[in-house]
Amino acid sequence: MISGPLTYTTLREHLREIINDSCKFSQQEFVAWCGREWFRYEDTDITDNELEVAIQIATEIEMEWDIYIGSCYTRKELSSLDFTQVTLPKSYFVKWLEDLNNLK
């Protein structure tokens, strides 16, 4: 499980770890962390630009995971799927890291 708050820096580090195959967590754990963390700020007025960008990217990551799961697996497959074994294409993470860097 990933701990710690969502920040621009932590999101960037986790994306790099996934891209470099050096993470000690599953993509499912990463997506769950993104979801937990962006939701903490749902009704908050964010004044920190870096945090706002991190929240945007974390929200997109969670949504893309749901879209990917829904489009790649049948209902029957989902009922027995080990989500810790699901991996999004690496290109997704590269794009999110690029977006994170470009939006800063």
N, C-alpha and C. Protein backbone atom coordinates (compact mmCIF):
# COMPACT_ATOMS: atom_id res chain seq x y z
N MET A 1 0.84 -1.18 0.00
CA MET A 1 0.00 0.00 0.00
C MET A 1 0.89 1.25 0.00
N ILE A 2 0.47 2.22 -0.76
CA ILE A 2 1.21 3.47 -0.83
C ILE A 2 0.69 4.40 0.26
N SER A 3 1.60 4.99 0.98
CA SER A 3 1.19 5.94 2.02
C SER A 3 1.75 7.31 1.68
N GLY A 4 1.32 8.27 2.42
CA GLY A 4 1.79 9.63 2.20
C GLY A 4 0.82 10.41 1.34
N PRO A 5 0.91 11.71 1.43
CA PRO A 5 -0.03 12.56 0.71
C PRO A 5 0.32 12.72 -0.77
N LEU A 6 -0.68 13.10 -1.53
CA LEU A 6 -0.48 13.43 -2.93
C LEU A 6 0.17 14.80 -3.02
N THR A 7 1.30 14.85 -3.66
CA THR A 7 1.96 16.11 -3.98
C THR A 7 2.47 15.97 -5.41
N TYR A 8 2.86 17.08 -5.98
CA TYR A 8 3.46 17.05 -7.32
C TYR A 8 4.67 16.10 -7.31
N THR A 9 5.49 16.22 -6.29
CA THR A 9 6.72 15.43 -6.20
C THR A 9 6.45 13.95 -6.01
N THR A 10 5.52 13.60 -5.11
CA THR A 10 5.26 12.18 -4.89
C THR A 10 4.62 11.53 -6.11
N LEU A 11 3.72 12.25 -6.77
CA LEU A 11 3.11 11.70 -7.97
C LEU A 11 4.17 11.48 -9.05
N ARG A 12 5.04 12.45 -9.23
CA ARG A 12 6.12 12.32 -10.22
C ARG A 12 7.02 11.13 -9.90
N GLU A 13 7.37 10.98 -8.63
CA GLU A 13 8.23 9.86 -8.22
C GLU A 13 7.56 8.52 -8.49
N HIS A 14 6.28 8.40 -8.15
CA HIS A 14 5.57 7.13 -8.36
C HIS A 14 5.43 6.82 -9.85
N LEU A 15 5.15 7.82 -10.65
CA LEU A 15 5.07 7.60 -12.10
C LEU A 15 6.42 7.13 -12.64
N ARG A 16 7.48 7.75 -12.21
CA ARG A 16 8.83 7.32 -12.65
C ARG A 16 9.13 5.89 -12.22
N GLU A 17 8.75 5.54 -11.01
CA GLU A 17 8.97 4.17 -10.53
C GLU A 17 8.24 3.16 -11.40
N ILE A 18 7.00 3.46 -11.77
CA ILE A 18 6.24 2.55 -12.63
C ILE A 18 6.89 2.45 -14.00
N ILE A 19 7.25 3.58 -14.57
CA ILE A 19 7.88 3.60 -15.90
C ILE A 19 9.20 2.81 -15.89
N ASN A 20 9.97 2.94 -14.81
CA ASN A 20 11.27 2.27 -14.71
C ASN A 20 11.19 0.87 -14.13
N ASP A 21 9.99 0.37 -13.91
CA ASP A 21 9.78 -0.96 -13.32
C ASP A 21 10.50 -1.12 -11.99
N SER A 22 10.53 -0.05 -11.20
CA SER A 22 11.22 -0.12 -9.91
C SER A 22 10.27 0.09 -8.73
N CYS A 23 8.96 0.03 -8.99
CA CYS A 23 8.00 0.27 -7.91
C CYS A 23 7.80 -1.01 -7.09
N LYS A 24 7.46 -0.81 -5.84
CA LYS A 24 7.21 -1.93 -4.93
C LYS A 24 5.71 -2.06 -4.63
N PHE A 25 4.89 -1.57 -5.56
CA PHE A 25 3.45 -1.61 -5.42
C PHE A 25 2.84 -1.95 -6.77
N SER A 26 1.63 -2.48 -6.73
CA SER A 26 0.94 -2.80 -7.98
C SER A 26 0.32 -1.54 -8.57
N GLN A 27 -0.02 -1.62 -9.83
CA GLN A 27 -0.70 -0.49 -10.44
C GLN A 27 -2.06 -0.28 -9.79
N GLN A 28 -2.71 -1.35 -9.36
CA GLN A 28 -3.98 -1.21 -8.66
C GLN A 28 -3.79 -0.40 -7.38
N GLU A 29 -2.73 -0.67 -6.63
CA GLU A 29 -2.46 0.11 -5.41
C GLU A 29 -2.19 1.57 -5.74
N PHE A 30 -1.48 1.81 -6.82
CA PHE A 30 -1.19 3.19 -7.24
C PHE A 30 -2.48 3.92 -7.59
N VAL A 31 -3.34 3.27 -8.36
CA VAL A 31 -4.60 3.89 -8.76
C VAL A 31 -5.47 4.16 -7.54
N ALA A 32 -5.51 3.22 -6.61
CA ALA A 32 -6.30 3.41 -5.38
C ALA A 32 -5.75 4.59 -4.58
N TRP A 33 -4.44 4.71 -4.51
CA TRP A 33 -3.82 5.85 -3.82
C TRP A 33 -4.22 7.15 -4.50
N CYS A 34 -4.15 7.18 -5.82
CA CYS A 34 -4.55 8.38 -6.57
C CYS A 34 -5.98 8.76 -6.24
N GLY A 35 -6.87 7.77 -6.22
CA GLY A 35 -8.27 8.02 -5.94
C GLY A 35 -8.50 8.54 -4.53
N ARG A 36 -7.86 7.90 -3.57
CA ARG A 36 -7.99 8.36 -2.17
C ARG A 36 -7.48 9.78 -2.01
N GLU A 37 -6.35 10.04 -2.63
CA GLU A 37 -5.69 11.33 -2.42
C GLU A 37 -6.40 12.49 -3.13
N TRP A 38 -6.82 12.31 -4.38
CA TRP A 38 -7.49 13.44 -5.03
C TRP A 38 -8.82 13.72 -4.37
N PHE A 39 -9.48 12.67 -3.87
CA PHE A 39 -10.79 12.85 -3.25
C PHE A 39 -10.71 13.69 -1.97
N ARG A 40 -9.58 13.62 -1.29
CA ARG A 40 -9.39 14.43 -0.07
C ARG A 40 -9.53 15.92 -0.36
N TYR A 41 -9.27 16.31 -1.59
CA TYR A 41 -9.29 17.72 -1.97
C TYR A 41 -10.54 18.12 -2.76
N GLU A 42 -11.51 17.22 -2.85
CA GLU A 42 -12.66 17.44 -3.72
C GLU A 42 -13.37 18.77 -3.47
N ASP A 43 -13.62 19.13 -2.25
CA ASP A 43 -14.35 20.37 -1.95
C ASP A 43 -13.44 21.44 -1.36
N THR A 44 -12.18 21.41 -1.75
CA THR A 44 -11.20 22.35 -1.22
C THR A 44 -10.78 23.33 -2.31
N ASP A 45 -10.62 24.57 -1.93
CA ASP A 45 -10.12 25.58 -2.86
C ASP A 45 -8.59 25.49 -2.85
N ILE A 46 -8.02 24.97 -3.92
CA ILE A 46 -6.58 24.75 -4.02
C ILE A 46 -5.92 26.02 -4.57
N THR A 47 -4.91 26.50 -3.85
CA THR A 47 -4.18 27.68 -4.31
C THR A 47 -2.77 27.34 -4.77
N ASP A 48 -2.33 26.13 -4.50
CA ASP A 48 -1.00 25.68 -4.90
C ASP A 48 -1.08 25.08 -6.30
N ASN A 49 -0.45 25.71 -7.29
CA ASN A 49 -0.53 25.27 -8.68
C ASN A 49 -0.01 23.85 -8.86
N GLU A 50 1.10 23.51 -8.21
CA GLU A 50 1.65 22.16 -8.35
C GLU A 50 0.68 21.12 -7.81
N LEU A 51 0.05 21.39 -6.68
CA LEU A 51 -0.92 20.45 -6.12
C LEU A 51 -2.13 20.34 -7.03
N GLU A 52 -2.57 21.44 -7.58
CA GLU A 52 -3.72 21.40 -8.49
C GLU A 52 -3.43 20.53 -9.70
N VAL A 53 -2.24 20.65 -10.24
CA VAL A 53 -1.83 19.81 -11.38
C VAL A 53 -1.78 18.34 -10.96
N ALA A 54 -1.22 18.05 -9.81
CA ALA A 54 -1.15 16.66 -9.33
C ALA A 54 -2.55 16.08 -9.15
N ILE A 55 -3.47 16.87 -8.63
CA ILE A 55 -4.84 16.40 -8.45
C ILE A 55 -5.48 16.10 -9.80
N GLN A 56 -5.27 16.97 -10.77
CA GLN A 56 -5.83 16.74 -12.12
C GLN A 56 -5.32 15.43 -12.71
N ILE A 57 -4.03 15.21 -12.61
CA ILE A 57 -3.43 14.00 -13.17
C ILE A 57 -3.90 12.77 -12.39
N ALA A 58 -3.95 12.85 -11.07
CA ALA A 58 -4.40 11.71 -10.25
C ALA A 58 -5.84 11.35 -10.59
N THR A 59 -6.67 12.34 -10.81
CA THR A 59 -8.06 12.10 -11.19
C THR A 59 -8.13 11.39 -12.53
N GLU A 60 -7.33 11.86 -13.48
CA GLU A 60 -7.30 11.23 -14.80
C GLU A 60 -6.82 9.78 -14.71
N ILE A 61 -5.82 9.53 -13.88
CA ILE A 61 -5.30 8.17 -13.72
C ILE A 61 -6.40 7.23 -13.24
N GLU A 62 -7.13 7.66 -12.23
CA GLU A 62 -8.20 6.81 -11.70
C GLU A 62 -9.28 6.57 -12.76
N MET A 63 -9.65 7.60 -13.49
CA MET A 63 -10.69 7.45 -14.52
C MET A 63 -10.22 6.54 -15.66
N GLU A 64 -8.98 6.70 -16.08
CA GLU A 64 -8.45 5.86 -17.17
C GLU A 64 -8.37 4.39 -16.76
N TRP A 65 -8.05 4.14 -15.51
CA TRP A 65 -8.02 2.76 -15.00
C TRP A 65 -9.41 2.14 -15.15
N ASP A 66 -10.43 2.87 -14.72
CA ASP A 66 -11.80 2.35 -14.81
C ASP A 66 -12.20 2.10 -16.26
N ILE A 67 -11.85 3.02 -17.13
CA ILE A 67 -12.17 2.86 -18.56
C ILE A 67 -11.44 1.64 -19.12
N TYR A 68 -10.17 1.50 -18.79
CA TYR A 68 -9.36 0.38 -19.29
C TYR A 68 -9.94 -0.95 -18.82
N ILE A 69 -10.23 -1.04 -17.52
CA ILE A 69 -10.80 -2.28 -16.97
C ILE A 69 -12.12 -2.61 -17.65
N GLY A 70 -12.98 -1.59 -17.79
CA GLY A 70 -14.30 -1.80 -18.38
C GLY A 70 -14.26 -2.19 -19.84
N SER A 71 -13.24 -1.75 -20.55
CA SER A 71 -13.18 -2.05 -21.98
C SER A 71 -12.37 -3.30 -22.31
N CYS A 72 -11.57 -3.77 -21.38
CA CYS A 72 -10.69 -4.92 -21.67
C CYS A 72 -11.17 -6.25 -21.09
N TYR A 73 -12.11 -6.19 -20.17
CA TYR A 73 -12.55 -7.41 -19.50
C TYR A 73 -14.07 -7.52 -19.53
N THR A 74 -14.54 -8.76 -19.68
CA THR A 74 -15.97 -9.01 -19.62
C THR A 74 -16.43 -9.04 -18.16
N ARG A 75 -17.73 -8.98 -17.97
CA ARG A 75 -18.26 -9.06 -16.59
C ARG A 75 -17.83 -10.36 -15.93
N LYS A 76 -17.86 -11.43 -16.69
CA LYS A 76 -17.46 -12.73 -16.14
C LYS A 76 -15.99 -12.71 -15.72
N GLU A 77 -15.13 -12.14 -16.56
CA GLU A 77 -13.70 -12.04 -16.23
C GLU A 77 -13.49 -11.17 -15.00
N LEU A 78 -14.26 -10.09 -14.91
CA LEU A 78 -14.12 -9.18 -13.77
C LEU A 78 -14.46 -9.85 -12.45
N SER A 79 -15.38 -10.81 -12.49
CA SER A 79 -15.80 -11.46 -11.24
C SER A 79 -14.69 -12.30 -10.62
N SER A 80 -13.70 -12.70 -11.40
CA SER A 80 -12.62 -13.51 -10.86
C SER A 80 -11.23 -12.90 -11.11
N LEU A 81 -11.21 -11.67 -11.55
CA LEU A 81 -9.96 -11.02 -11.92
C LEU A 81 -9.14 -10.63 -10.69
N ASP A 82 -7.86 -10.92 -10.73
CA ASP A 82 -6.93 -10.44 -9.71
C ASP A 82 -6.42 -9.08 -10.18
N PHE A 83 -7.02 -8.02 -9.65
CA PHE A 83 -6.73 -6.67 -10.12
C PHE A 83 -5.28 -6.26 -9.87
N THR A 84 -4.62 -6.94 -8.95
CA THR A 84 -3.21 -6.60 -8.69
C THR A 84 -2.33 -7.01 -9.87
N GLN A 85 -2.86 -7.85 -10.75
CA GLN A 85 -2.09 -8.31 -11.90
C GLN A 85 -2.38 -7.50 -13.16
N VAL A 86 -3.35 -6.59 -13.09
CA VAL A 86 -3.68 -5.76 -14.24
C VAL A 86 -2.61 -4.68 -14.41
N THR A 87 -2.16 -4.52 -15.63
CA THR A 87 -1.18 -3.46 -15.91
C THR A 87 -1.64 -2.65 -17.10
N LEU A 88 -1.66 -1.36 -16.91
CA LEU A 88 -1.95 -0.45 -18.01
C LEU A 88 -0.71 -0.37 -18.90
N PRO A 89 -0.90 0.00 -20.14
CA PRO A 89 0.27 0.18 -21.01
C PRO A 89 1.22 1.24 -20.44
N LYS A 90 2.49 0.98 -20.54
CA LYS A 90 3.50 1.91 -20.02
C LYS A 90 3.36 3.30 -20.64
N SER A 91 2.88 3.35 -21.87
CA SER A 91 2.72 4.63 -22.56
C SER A 91 1.76 5.55 -21.80
N TYR A 92 0.80 5.00 -21.08
CA TYR A 92 -0.11 5.83 -20.28
C TYR A 92 0.68 6.60 -19.22
N PHE A 93 1.57 5.89 -18.56
CA PHE A 93 2.34 6.50 -17.47
C PHE A 93 3.33 7.53 -18.00
N VAL A 94 3.90 7.24 -19.16
CA VAL A 94 4.80 8.20 -19.79
C VAL A 94 4.04 9.48 -20.12
N LYS A 95 2.84 9.33 -20.67
CA LYS A 95 2.02 10.50 -21.00
C LYS A 95 1.66 11.28 -19.75
N TRP A 96 1.26 10.59 -18.68
CA TRP A 96 0.90 11.30 -17.44
C TRP A 96 2.09 12.04 -16.85
N LEU A 97 3.27 11.45 -16.94
CA LEU A 97 4.46 12.14 -16.44
C LEU A 97 4.74 13.36 -17.31
N GLU A 98 4.61 13.22 -18.61
CA GLU A 98 4.81 14.37 -19.50
C GLU A 98 3.77 15.46 -19.22
N ASP A 99 2.53 15.06 -19.03
CA ASP A 99 1.46 16.03 -18.72
C ASP A 99 1.77 16.73 -17.40
N LEU A 100 2.21 15.97 -16.44
CA LEU A 100 2.54 16.55 -15.12
C LEU A 100 3.64 17.59 -15.26
N ASN A 101 4.66 17.26 -16.01
CA ASN A 101 5.77 18.18 -16.21
C ASN A 101 5.37 19.41 -17.03
N ASN A 102 4.50 19.21 -18.01
CA ASN A 102 4.09 20.31 -18.89
C ASN A 102 3.08 21.25 -18.26
N LEU A 103 2.29 20.75 -17.35
CA LEU A 103 1.26 21.58 -16.72
C LEU A 103 1.79 22.41 -15.57
N LYS A 104 2.96 22.09 -15.10
CA LYS A 104 3.52 22.77 -13.94
C LYS A 104 3.69 24.22 -14.15
